[in-house]
Amino acid sequence: MQYLVSVLFDDSVVPRDDEMAAIDAFNDRMRAEGHWVFAGGLAAPSAATVLDNRDGAGLITDGPYVETKEYLAGFWVFEAPDLDVALKIAAEGSRACNRRVEVRPFAQP
């Protein structure tokens, strides 16, 4: 099963060098252990563009879809046999990046 681990942050400060080193080491270990699927860091919310083409509306808005104190700073997608393992991995990721994280399983077809 795959899990999305969203990294939550409340500031536009980029990760410090020691945090990036910890993230890189964590990512390398997840690859070696076979949990790694994909990951990425995201630009600040101010770089977002929201599109709404429902019913052909064609609306484009600069900025995030919602103004909030916290935002999605990045994410991991991991493979894990169950939620308990996914939560353990996410806890280690939270420690590595020094941020709160949210874990959600991908919906099964």
PDB file of N, CA and C in Angstrom:
ATOM      1  N   MET A   1       0.831  -1.163   0.000  1.00  0.00           N
ATOM      2  CA  MET A   1       0.000   0.000   0.000  1.00  0.00           C
ATOM      3  C   MET A   1       0.887   1.241   0.000  1.00  0.00           C
ATOM      4  N   GLN A   2       0.424   2.301  -0.657  1.00  0.00           N
ATOM      5  CA  GLN A   2       1.184   3.544  -0.691  1.00  0.00           C
ATOM      6  C   GLN A   2       0.535   4.597   0.196  1.00  0.00           C
ATOM      7  N   TYR A   3       1.389   5.419   0.797  1.00  0.00           N
ATOM      8  CA  TYR A   3       0.951   6.462   1.718  1.00  0.00           C
ATOM      9  C   TYR A   3       1.563   7.793   1.312  1.00  0.00           C
ATOM     10  N   LEU A   4       0.761   8.844   1.395  1.00  0.00           N
ATOM     11  CA  LEU A   4       1.241  10.201   1.186  1.00  0.00           C
ATOM     12  C   LEU A   4       1.570  10.786   2.551  1.00  0.00           C
ATOM     13  N   VAL A   5       2.790  11.260   2.707  1.00  0.00           N
ATOM     14  CA  VAL A   5       3.208  11.927   3.935  1.00  0.00           C
ATOM     15  C   VAL A   5       3.435  13.387   3.570  1.00  0.00           C
ATOM     16  N   SER A   6       2.519  14.234   4.004  1.00  0.00           N
ATOM     17  CA  SER A   6       2.579  15.664   3.706  1.00  0.00           C
ATOM     18  C   SER A   6       3.364  16.370   4.797  1.00  0.00           C
ATOM     19  N   VAL A   7       4.296  17.211   4.385  1.00  0.00           N
ATOM     20  CA  VAL A   7       5.111  17.980   5.323  1.00  0.00           C
ATOM     21  C   VAL A   7       4.447  19.339   5.506  1.00  0.00           C
ATOM     22  N   LEU A   8       4.088  19.665   6.745  1.00  0.00           N
ATOM     23  CA  LEU A   8       3.378  20.901   7.068  1.00  0.00           C
ATOM     24  C   LEU A   8       4.344  21.895   7.705  1.00  0.00           C
ATOM     25  N   PHE A   9       4.198  23.163   7.319  1.00  0.00           N
ATOM     26  CA  PHE A   9       5.084  24.179   7.873  1.00  0.00           C
ATOM     27  C   PHE A   9       4.334  25.486   7.986  1.00  0.00           C
ATOM     28  N   ASP A  10       4.790  26.340   8.891  1.00  0.00           N
ATOM     29  CA  ASP A  10       4.088  27.601   9.119  1.00  0.00           C
ATOM     30  C   ASP A  10       4.970  28.818   8.900  1.00  0.00           C
ATOM     31  N   ASP A  11       6.031  28.674   8.134  1.00  0.00           N
ATOM     32  CA  ASP A  11       6.941  29.774   7.868  1.00  0.00           C
ATOM     33  C   ASP A  11       7.533  29.569   6.475  1.00  0.00           C
ATOM     34  N   SER A  12       8.044  30.616   5.882  1.00  0.00           N
ATOM     35  CA  SER A  12       8.635  30.483   4.551  1.00  0.00           C
ATOM     36  C   SER A  12      10.136  30.239   4.615  1.00  0.00           C
ATOM     37  N   VAL A  13      10.648  29.942   5.801  1.00  0.00           N
ATOM     38  CA  VAL A  13      12.075  29.688   5.977  1.00  0.00           C
ATOM     39  C   VAL A  13      12.435  28.364   5.305  1.00  0.00           C
ATOM     40  N   VAL A  14      13.452  28.374   4.482  1.00  0.00           N
ATOM     41  CA  VAL A  14      13.908  27.141   3.843  1.00  0.00           C
ATOM     42  C   VAL A  14      14.624  26.279   4.873  1.00  0.00           C
ATOM     43  N   PRO A  15      14.650  24.978   4.659  1.00  0.00           N
ATOM     44  CA  PRO A  15      15.327  24.103   5.621  1.00  0.00           C
ATOM     45  C   PRO A  15      16.800  24.485   5.789  1.00  0.00           C
ATOM     46  N   ARG A  16      17.264  24.397   7.016  1.00  0.00           N
ATOM     47  CA  ARG A  16      18.673  24.666   7.310  1.00  0.00           C
ATOM     48  C   ARG A  16      19.524  23.545   6.718  1.00  0.00           C
ATOM     49  N   ASP A  17      20.841  23.796   6.627  1.00  0.00           N
ATOM     50  CA  ASP A  17      21.761  22.799   6.076  1.00  0.00           C
ATOM     51  C   ASP A  17      21.710  21.488   6.857  1.00  0.00           C
ATOM     52  N   ASP A  18      21.625  21.564   8.200  1.00  0.00           N
ATOM     53  CA  ASP A  18      21.586  20.337   8.993  1.00  0.00           C
ATOM     54  C   ASP A  18      20.274  19.587   8.767  1.00  0.00           C
ATOM     55  N   GLU A  19      19.176  20.318   8.564  1.00  0.00           N
ATOM     56  CA  GLU A  19      17.896  19.671   8.260  1.00  0.00           C
ATOM     57  C   GLU A  19      17.952  19.000   6.885  1.00  0.00           C
ATOM     58  N   MET A  20      18.539  19.664   5.903  1.00  0.00           N
ATOM     59  CA  MET A  20      18.652  19.067   4.567  1.00  0.00           C
ATOM     60  C   MET A  20      19.520  17.808   4.605  1.00  0.00           C
ATOM     61  N   ALA A  21      20.594  17.842   5.387  1.00  0.00           N
ATOM     62  CA  ALA A  21      21.452  16.659   5.515  1.00  0.00           C
ATOM     63  C   ALA A  21      20.678  15.503   6.150  1.00  0.00           C
ATOM     64  N   ALA A  22      19.869  15.797   7.164  1.00  0.00           N
ATOM     65  CA  ALA A  22      19.060  14.759   7.811  1.00  0.00           C
ATOM     66  C   ALA A  22      18.007  14.214   6.855  1.00  0.00           C
ATOM     67  N   ILE A  23      17.392  15.086   6.062  1.00  0.00           N
ATOM     68  CA  ILE A  23      16.396  14.654   5.073  1.00  0.00           C
ATOM     69  C   ILE A  23      17.056  13.761   4.029  1.00  0.00           C
ATOM     70  N   ASP A  24      18.224  14.171   3.526  1.00  0.00           N
ATOM     71  CA  ASP A  24      18.933  13.367   2.524  1.00  0.00           C
ATOM     72  C   ASP A  24      19.283  11.982   3.071  1.00  0.00           C
ATOM     73  N   ALA A  25      19.753  11.920   4.315  1.00  0.00           N
ATOM     74  CA  ALA A  25      20.099  10.627   4.925  1.00  0.00           C
ATOM     75  C   ALA A  25      18.847   9.769   5.096  1.00  0.00           C
ATOM     76  N   PHE A  26      17.752  10.385   5.539  1.00  0.00           N
ATOM     77  CA  PHE A  26      16.483   9.665   5.685  1.00  0.00           C
ATOM     78  C   PHE A  26      16.023   9.134   4.324  1.00  0.00           C
ATOM     79  N   ASN A  27      16.061   9.983   3.293  1.00  0.00           N
ATOM     80  CA  ASN A  27      15.645   9.554   1.953  1.00  0.00           C
ATOM     81  C   ASN A  27      16.494   8.382   1.461  1.00  0.00           C
ATOM     82  N   ASP A  28      17.797   8.462   1.658  1.00  0.00           N
ATOM     83  CA  ASP A  28      18.688   7.373   1.237  1.00  0.00           C
ATOM     84  C   ASP A  28      18.324   6.069   1.944  1.00  0.00           C
ATOM     85  N   ARG A  29      18.020   6.149   3.236  1.00  0.00           N
ATOM     86  CA  ARG A  29      17.652   4.951   3.994  1.00  0.00           C
ATOM     87  C   ARG A  29      16.320   4.378   3.506  1.00  0.00           C
ATOM     88  N   MET A  30      15.351   5.256   3.193  1.00  0.00           N
ATOM     89  CA  MET A  30      14.055   4.793   2.697  1.00  0.00           C
ATOM     90  C   MET A  30      14.213   4.096   1.345  1.00  0.00           C
ATOM     91  N   ARG A  31      15.104   4.604   0.505  1.00  0.00           N
ATOM     92  CA  ARG A  31      15.390   3.932  -0.776  1.00  0.00           C
ATOM     93  C   ARG A  31      15.987   2.549  -0.520  1.00  0.00           C
ATOM     94  N   ALA A  32      16.970   2.497   0.370  1.00  0.00           N
ATOM     95  CA  ALA A  32      17.659   1.238   0.667  1.00  0.00           C
ATOM     96  C   ALA A  32      16.716   0.207   1.269  1.00  0.00           C
ATOM     97  N   GLU A  33      15.729   0.662   2.056  1.00  0.00           N
ATOM     98  CA  GLU A  33      14.783  -0.253   2.700  1.00  0.00           C
ATOM     99  C   GLU A  33      13.581  -0.581   1.824  1.00  0.00           C
ATOM    100  N   GLY A  34      13.517   0.006   0.626  1.00  0.00           N
ATOM    101  CA  GLY A  34      12.447  -0.323  -0.305  1.00  0.00           C
ATOM    102  C   GLY A  34      11.122   0.400  -0.062  1.00  0.00           C
ATOM    103  N   HIS A  35      11.113   1.436   0.763  1.00  0.00           N
ATOM    104  CA  HIS A  35       9.885   2.180   1.035  1.00  0.00           C
ATOM    105  C   HIS A  35       9.682   3.361   0.079  1.00  0.00           C
ATOM    106  N   TRP A  36      10.757   3.826  -0.512  1.00  0.00           N
ATOM    107  CA  TRP A  36      10.747   5.041  -1.327  1.00  0.00           C
ATOM    108  C   TRP A  36       9.923   4.859  -2.604  1.00  0.00           C
ATOM    109  N   VAL A  37       9.042   5.802  -2.888  1.00  0.00           N
ATOM    110  CA  VAL A  37       8.350   5.875  -4.174  1.00  0.00           C
ATOM    111  C   VAL A  37       8.696   7.196  -4.847  1.00  0.00           C
ATOM    112  N   PHE A  38       8.472   8.309  -4.128  1.00  0.00           N
ATOM    113  CA  PHE A  38       8.692   9.632  -4.706  1.00  0.00           C
ATOM    114  C   PHE A  38       8.635  10.661  -3.594  1.00  0.00           C
ATOM    115  N   ALA A  39       9.291  11.801  -3.793  1.00  0.00           N
ATOM    116  CA  ALA A  39       9.230  12.886  -2.816  1.00  0.00           C
ATOM    117  C   ALA A  39       9.547  14.197  -3.514  1.00  0.00           C
ATOM    118  N   GLY A  40       9.169  15.288  -2.887  1.00  0.00           N
ATOM    119  CA  GLY A  40       9.507  16.593  -3.430  1.00  0.00           C
ATOM    120  C   GLY A  40       9.217  17.708  -2.448  1.00  0.00           C
ATOM    121  N   GLY A  41      10.006  18.747  -2.543  1.00  0.00           N
ATOM    122  CA  GLY A  41       9.761  19.966  -1.788  1.00  0.00           C
ATOM    123  C   GLY A  41       8.998  20.931  -2.688  1.00  0.00           C
ATOM    124  N   LEU A  42       8.193  21.774  -2.086  1.00  0.00           N
ATOM    125  CA  LEU A  42       7.368  22.710  -2.850  1.00  0.00           C
ATOM    126  C   LEU A  42       7.798  24.147  -2.595  1.00  0.00           C
ATOM    127  N   ALA A  43       7.598  24.995  -3.606  1.00  0.00           N
ATOM    128  CA  ALA A  43       7.862  26.426  -3.459  1.00  0.00           C
ATOM    129  C   ALA A  43       6.854  27.021  -2.479  1.00  0.00           C
ATOM    130  N   ALA A  44       7.090  28.232  -2.072  1.00  0.00           N
ATOM    131  CA  ALA A  44       6.200  28.925  -1.130  1.00  0.00           C
ATOM    132  C   ALA A  44       4.798  29.063  -1.722  1.00  0.00           C
ATOM    133  N   PRO A  45       3.772  29.158  -0.874  1.00  0.00           N
ATOM    134  CA  PRO A  45       2.399  29.304  -1.359  1.00  0.00           C
ATOM    135  C   PRO A  45       2.213  30.484  -2.305  1.00  0.00           C
ATOM    136  N   SER A  46       3.003  31.517  -2.153  1.00  0.00           N
ATOM    137  CA  SER A  46       2.873  32.679  -3.036  1.00  0.00           C
ATOM    138  C   SER A  46       3.173  32.341  -4.492  1.00  0.00           C
ATOM    139  N   ALA A  47       3.841  31.215  -4.742  1.00  0.00           N
ATOM    140  CA  ALA A  47       4.163  30.793  -6.098  1.00  0.00           C
ATOM    141  C   ALA A  47       3.041  29.962  -6.735  1.00  0.00           C
ATOM    142  N   ALA A  48       1.983  29.700  -5.976  1.00  0.00           N
ATOM    143  CA  ALA A  48       0.892  28.846  -6.460  1.00  0.00           C
ATOM    144  C   ALA A  48      -0.012  29.581  -7.452  1.00  0.00           C
ATOM    145  N   THR A  49      -0.655  28.821  -8.316  1.00  0.00           N
ATOM    146  CA  THR A  49      -1.697  29.304  -9.216  1.00  0.00           C
ATOM    147  C   THR A  49      -2.854  28.330  -9.126  1.00  0.00           C
ATOM    148  N   VAL A  50      -4.053  28.841  -8.934  1.00  0.00           N
ATOM    149  CA  VAL A  50      -5.247  28.008  -8.832  1.00  0.00           C
ATOM    150  C   VAL A  50      -6.044  28.154 -10.124  1.00  0.00           C
ATOM    151  N   LEU A  51      -6.417  27.018 -10.714  1.00  0.00           N
ATOM    152  CA  LEU A  51      -7.242  27.007 -11.919  1.00  0.00           C
ATOM    153  C   LEU A  51      -8.578  26.370 -11.605  1.00  0.00           C
ATOM    154  N   ASP A  52      -9.640  26.961 -12.136  1.00  0.00           N
ATOM    155  CA  ASP A  52     -10.986  26.397 -11.968  1.00  0.00           C
ATOM    156  C   ASP A  52     -11.658  26.395 -13.324  1.00  0.00           C
ATOM    157  N   ASN A  53     -11.686  25.227 -13.928  1.00  0.00           N
ATOM    158  CA  ASN A  53     -12.294  25.107 -15.244  1.00  0.00           C
ATOM    159  C   ASN A  53     -13.573  24.284 -15.196  1.00  0.00           C
ATOM    160  N   ARG A  54     -14.180  24.211 -14.020  1.00  0.00           N
ATOM    161  CA  ARG A  54     -15.467  23.528 -13.920  1.00  0.00           C
ATOM    162  C   ARG A  54     -16.470  24.273 -14.789  1.00  0.00           C
ATOM    163  N   ASP A  55     -17.242  23.541 -15.506  1.00  0.00           N
ATOM    164  CA  ASP A  55     -18.252  24.127 -16.392  1.00  0.00           C
ATOM    165  C   ASP A  55     -17.658  25.124 -17.371  1.00  0.00           C
ATOM    166  N   GLY A  56     -16.351  24.968 -17.703  1.00  0.00           N
ATOM    167  CA  GLY A  56     -15.721  25.847 -18.679  1.00  0.00           C
ATOM    168  C   GLY A  56     -15.471  27.256 -18.181  1.00  0.00           C
ATOM    169  N   ALA A  57     -15.443  27.461 -16.863  1.00  0.00           N
ATOM    170  CA  ALA A  57     -15.289  28.805 -16.299  1.00  0.00           C
ATOM    171  C   ALA A  57     -13.948  29.443 -16.663  1.00  0.00           C
ATOM    172  N   GLY A  58     -12.900  28.643 -16.727  1.00  0.00           N
ATOM    173  CA  GLY A  58     -11.592  29.153 -17.114  1.00  0.00           C
ATOM    174  C   GLY A  58     -11.012  30.188 -16.174  1.00  0.00           C
ATOM    175  N   LEU A  59     -11.247  30.069 -14.873  1.00  0.00           N
ATOM    176  CA  LEU A  59     -10.735  31.038 -13.907  1.00  0.00           C
ATOM    177  C   LEU A  59      -9.318  30.671 -13.480  1.00  0.00           C
ATOM    178  N   ILE A  60      -8.435  31.665 -13.459  1.00  0.00           N
ATOM    179  CA  ILE A  60      -7.058  31.487 -13.011  1.00  0.00           C
ATOM    180  C   ILE A  60      -6.792  32.538 -11.947  1.00  0.00           C
ATOM    181  N   THR A  61      -6.312  32.081 -10.784  1.00  0.00           N
ATOM    182  CA  THR A  61      -6.047  32.984  -9.670  1.00  0.00           C
ATOM    183  C   THR A  61      -4.622  32.756  -9.182  1.00  0.00           C
ATOM    184  N   ASP A  62      -3.874  33.832  -9.041  1.00  0.00           N
ATOM    185  CA  ASP A  62      -2.525  33.730  -8.469  1.00  0.00           C
ATOM    186  C   ASP A  62      -2.621  33.554  -6.964  1.00  0.00           C
ATOM    187  N   GLY A  63      -1.720  32.745  -6.423  1.00  0.00           N
ATOM    188  CA  GLY A  63      -1.683  32.535  -4.980  1.00  0.00           C
ATOM    189  C   GLY A  63      -2.352  31.234  -4.595  1.00  0.00           C
ATOM    190  N   PRO A  64      -2.247  30.884  -3.315  1.00  0.00           N
ATOM    191  CA  PRO A  64      -2.792  29.603  -2.850  1.00  0.00           C
ATOM    192  C   PRO A  64      -4.313  29.590  -2.874  1.00  0.00           C
ATOM    193  N   TYR A  65      -4.891  28.397  -2.884  1.00  0.00           N
ATOM    194  CA  TYR A  65      -6.350  28.273  -2.936  1.00  0.00           C
ATOM    195  C   TYR A  65      -6.996  28.668  -1.627  1.00  0.00           C
ATOM    196  N   VAL A  66      -6.221  28.684  -0.548  1.00  0.00           N
ATOM    197  CA  VAL A  66      -6.757  29.089   0.747  1.00  0.00           C
ATOM    198  C   VAL A  66      -5.653  29.808   1.522  1.00  0.00           C
ATOM    199  N   GLU A  67      -6.009  30.856   2.197  1.00  0.00           N
ATOM    200  CA  GLU A  67      -5.058  31.557   3.062  1.00  0.00           C
ATOM    201  C   GLU A  67      -5.066  30.857   4.416  1.00  0.00           C
ATOM    202  N   THR A  68      -3.921  30.404   4.846  1.00  0.00           N
ATOM    203  CA  THR A  68      -3.818  29.676   6.094  1.00  0.00           C
ATOM    204  C   THR A  68      -2.441  29.886   6.701  1.00  0.00           C
ATOM    205  N   LYS A  69      -2.348  29.666   7.991  1.00  0.00           N
ATOM    206  CA  LYS A  69      -1.062  29.822   8.664  1.00  0.00           C
ATOM    207  C   LYS A  69      -0.095  28.719   8.255  1.00  0.00           C
ATOM    208  N   GLU A  70      -0.582  27.499   8.151  1.00  0.00           N
ATOM    209  CA  GLU A  70       0.256  26.372   7.738  1.00  0.00           C
ATOM    210  C   GLU A  70       0.033  26.072   6.259  1.00  0.00           C
ATOM    211  N   TYR A  71       1.030  25.502   5.657  1.00  0.00           N
ATOM    212  CA  TYR A  71       0.916  25.133   4.251  1.00  0.00           C
ATOM    213  C   TYR A  71       1.699  23.855   3.986  1.00  0.00           C
ATOM    214  N   LEU A  72       1.458  23.290   2.830  1.00  0.00           N
ATOM    215  CA  LEU A  72       2.150  22.087   2.400  1.00  0.00           C
ATOM    216  C   LEU A  72       3.525  22.482   1.876  1.00  0.00           C
ATOM    217  N   ALA A  73       4.565  22.077   2.585  1.00  0.00           N
ATOM    218  CA  ALA A  73       5.929  22.453   2.221  1.00  0.00           C
ATOM    219  C   ALA A  73       6.606  21.400   1.345  1.00  0.00           C
ATOM    220  N   GLY A  74       6.096  20.178   1.382  1.00  0.00           N
ATOM    221  CA  GLY A  74       6.671  19.089   0.609  1.00  0.00           C
ATOM    222  C   GLY A  74       5.932  17.808   0.928  1.00  0.00           C
ATOM    223  N   PHE A  75       6.414  16.719   0.360  1.00  0.00           N
ATOM    224  CA  PHE A  75       5.719  15.450   0.562  1.00  0.00           C
ATOM    225  C   PHE A  75       6.637  14.284   0.242  1.00  0.00           C
ATOM    226  N   TRP A  76       6.272  13.147   0.766  1.00  0.00           N
ATOM    227  CA  TRP A  76       6.858  11.859   0.407  1.00  0.00           C
ATOM    228  C   TRP A  76       5.718  10.932   0.013  1.00  0.00           C
ATOM    229  N   VAL A  77       5.991  10.010  -0.865  1.00  0.00           N
ATOM    230  CA  VAL A  77       5.100   8.880  -1.116  1.00  0.00           C
ATOM    231  C   VAL A  77       5.921   7.641  -0.780  1.00  0.00           C
ATOM    232  N   PHE A  78       5.406   6.861   0.178  1.00  0.00           N
ATOM    233  CA  PHE A  78       6.093   5.661   0.630  1.00  0.00           C
ATOM    234  C   PHE A  78       5.247   4.428   0.387  1.00  0.00           C
ATOM    235  N   GLU A  79       5.929   3.322   0.223  1.00  0.00           N
ATOM    236  CA  GLU A  79       5.320   1.998   0.160  1.00  0.00           C
ATOM    237  C   GLU A  79       5.502   1.380   1.540  1.00  0.00           C
ATOM    238  N   ALA A  80       4.401   0.887   2.114  1.00  0.00           N
ATOM    239  CA  ALA A  80       4.474   0.241   3.426  1.00  0.00           C
ATOM    240  C   ALA A  80       3.413  -0.853   3.486  1.00  0.00           C
ATOM    241  N   PRO A  81       3.680  -1.928   4.226  1.00  0.00           N
ATOM    242  CA  PRO A  81       2.725  -3.030   4.285  1.00  0.00           C
ATOM    243  C   PRO A  81       1.436  -2.686   5.031  1.00  0.00           C
ATOM    244  N   ASP A  82       1.510  -1.701   5.948  1.00  0.00           N
ATOM    245  CA  ASP A  82       0.311  -1.333   6.706  1.00  0.00           C
ATOM    246  C   ASP A  82       0.501   0.043   7.333  1.00  0.00           C
ATOM    247  N   LEU A  83      -0.562   0.548   7.957  1.00  0.00           N
ATOM    248  CA  LEU A  83      -0.540   1.886   8.548  1.00  0.00           C
ATOM    249  C   LEU A  83       0.478   2.006   9.678  1.00  0.00           C
ATOM    250  N   ASP A  84       0.636   0.967  10.475  1.00  0.00           N
ATOM    251  CA  ASP A  84       1.602   1.037  11.570  1.00  0.00           C
ATOM    252  C   ASP A  84       3.011   1.313  11.059  1.00  0.00           C
ATOM    253  N   VAL A  85       3.399   0.634   9.993  1.00  0.00           N
ATOM    254  CA  VAL A  85       4.725   0.851   9.409  1.00  0.00           C
ATOM    255  C   VAL A  85       4.788   2.255   8.798  1.00  0.00           C
ATOM    256  N   ALA A  86       3.729   2.669   8.119  1.00  0.00           N
ATOM    257  CA  ALA A  86       3.695   4.013   7.522  1.00  0.00           C
ATOM    258  C   ALA A  86       3.838   5.094   8.593  1.00  0.00           C
ATOM    259  N   LEU A  87       3.194   4.905   9.743  1.00  0.00           N
ATOM    260  CA  LEU A  87       3.290   5.882  10.821  1.00  0.00           C
ATOM    261  C   LEU A  87       4.704   5.929  11.403  1.00  0.00           C
ATOM    262  N   LYS A  88       5.339   4.774  11.493  1.00  0.00           N
ATOM    263  CA  LYS A  88       6.724   4.727  11.984  1.00  0.00           C
ATOM    264  C   LYS A  88       7.642   5.469  11.018  1.00  0.00           C
ATOM    265  N   ILE A  89       7.482   5.222   9.730  1.00  0.00           N
ATOM    266  CA  ILE A  89       8.281   5.913   8.711  1.00  0.00           C
ATOM    267  C   ILE A  89       8.036   7.420   8.782  1.00  0.00           C
ATOM    268  N   ALA A  90       6.761   7.809   8.881  1.00  0.00           N
ATOM    269  CA  ALA A  90       6.411   9.231   8.928  1.00  0.00           C
ATOM    270  C   ALA A  90       6.998   9.909  10.159  1.00  0.00           C
ATOM    271  N   ALA A  91       7.002   9.219  11.302  1.00  0.00           N
ATOM    272  CA  ALA A  91       7.590   9.785  12.514  1.00  0.00           C
ATOM    273  C   ALA A  91       9.082  10.048  12.315  1.00  0.00           C
ATOM    274  N   GLU A  92       9.751   9.124  11.645  1.00  0.00           N
ATOM    275  CA  GLU A  92      11.173   9.313  11.357  1.00  0.00           C
ATOM    276  C   GLU A  92      11.376  10.468  10.379  1.00  0.00           C
ATOM    277  N   GLY A  93      10.482  10.588   9.395  1.00  0.00           N
ATOM    278  CA  GLY A  93      10.560  11.708   8.452  1.00  0.00           C
ATOM    279  C   GLY A  93      10.325  13.041   9.134  1.00  0.00           C
ATOM    280  N   SER A  94       9.368  13.075  10.056  1.00  0.00           N
ATOM    281  CA  SER A  94       9.084  14.302  10.809  1.00  0.00           C
ATOM    282  C   SER A  94      10.316  14.741  11.596  1.00  0.00           C
ATOM    283  N   ARG A  95      10.967  13.784  12.217  1.00  0.00           N
ATOM    284  CA  ARG A  95      12.182  14.085  12.981  1.00  0.00           C
ATOM    285  C   ARG A  95      13.284  14.584  12.035  1.00  0.00           C
ATOM    286  N   ALA A  96      13.427  13.933  10.877  1.00  0.00           N
ATOM    287  CA  ALA A  96      14.490  14.305   9.938  1.00  0.00           C
ATOM    288  C   ALA A  96      14.302  15.716   9.389  1.00  0.00           C
ATOM    289  N   CYS A  97      13.067  16.073   9.026  1.00  0.00           N
ATOM    290  CA  CYS A  97      12.847  17.391   8.417  1.00  0.00           C
ATOM    291  C   CYS A  97      12.487  18.468   9.433  1.00  0.00           C
ATOM    292  N   ASN A  98      12.280  18.060  10.689  1.00  0.00           N
ATOM    293  CA  ASN A  98      11.958  18.994  11.766  1.00  0.00           C
ATOM    294  C   ASN A  98      10.651  19.747  11.482  1.00  0.00           C
ATOM    295  N   ARG A  99       9.662  19.019  10.959  1.00  0.00           N
ATOM    296  CA  ARG A  99       8.356  19.595  10.641  1.00  0.00           C
ATOM    297  C   ARG A  99       7.272  18.593  11.047  1.00  0.00           C
ATOM    298  N   ARG A 100       6.046  19.099  11.216  1.00  0.00           N
ATOM    299  CA  ARG A 100       4.903  18.207  11.421  1.00  0.00           C
ATOM    300  C   ARG A 100       4.576  17.546  10.088  1.00  0.00           C
ATOM    301  N   VAL A 101       4.016  16.347  10.146  1.00  0.00           N
ATOM    302  CA  VAL A 101       3.611  15.650   8.927  1.00  0.00           C
ATOM    303  C   VAL A 101       2.212  15.071   9.105  1.00  0.00           C
ATOM    304  N   GLU A 102       1.541  14.853   7.988  1.00  0.00           N
ATOM    305  CA  GLU A 102       0.254  14.174   7.958  1.00  0.00           C
ATOM    306  C   GLU A 102       0.392  12.942   7.080  1.00  0.00           C
ATOM    307  N   VAL A 103      -0.166  11.832   7.516  1.00  0.00           N
ATOM    308  CA  VAL A 103      -0.103  10.566   6.782  1.00  0.00           C
ATOM    309  C   VAL A 103      -1.493  10.217   6.265  1.00  0.00           C
ATOM    310  N   ARG A 104      -1.580   9.907   4.964  1.00  0.00           N
ATOM    311  CA  ARG A 104      -2.846   9.491   4.375  1.00  0.00           C
ATOM    312  C   ARG A 104      -2.599   8.370   3.375  1.00  0.00           C
ATOM    313  N   PRO A 105      -3.370   7.298   3.484  1.00  0.00           N
ATOM    314  CA  PRO A 105      -3.237   6.234   2.493  1.00  0.00           C
ATOM    315  C   PRO A 105      -3.862   6.669   1.175  1.00  0.00           C
ATOM    316  N   PHE A 106      -3.314   6.177   0.086  1.00  0.00           N
ATOM    317  CA  PHE A 106      -3.950   6.402  -1.206  1.00  0.00           C
ATOM    318  C   PHE A 106      -5.215   5.552  -1.270  1.00  0.00           C
ATOM    319  N   ALA A 107      -6.257   6.083  -1.867  1.00  0.00           N
ATOM    320  CA  ALA A 107      -7.520   5.356  -2.020  1.00  0.00           C
ATOM    321  C   ALA A 107      -7.283   4.148  -2.926  1.00  0.00           C
ATOM    322  N   GLN A 108      -7.861   3.042  -2.564  1.00  0.00           N
ATOM    323  CA  GLN A 108      -7.738   1.831  -3.362  1.00  0.00           C
ATOM    324  C   GLN A 108      -8.829   1.829  -4.441  1.00  0.00           C
ATOM    325  N   PRO A 109      -8.462   1.487  -5.668  1.00  0.00           N
ATOM    326  CA  PRO A 109      -9.472   1.454  -6.756  1.00  0.00           C
ATOM    327  C   PRO A 109     -10.510   0.375  -6.548  1.00  0.00           C
TER     328      PRO A 109
END
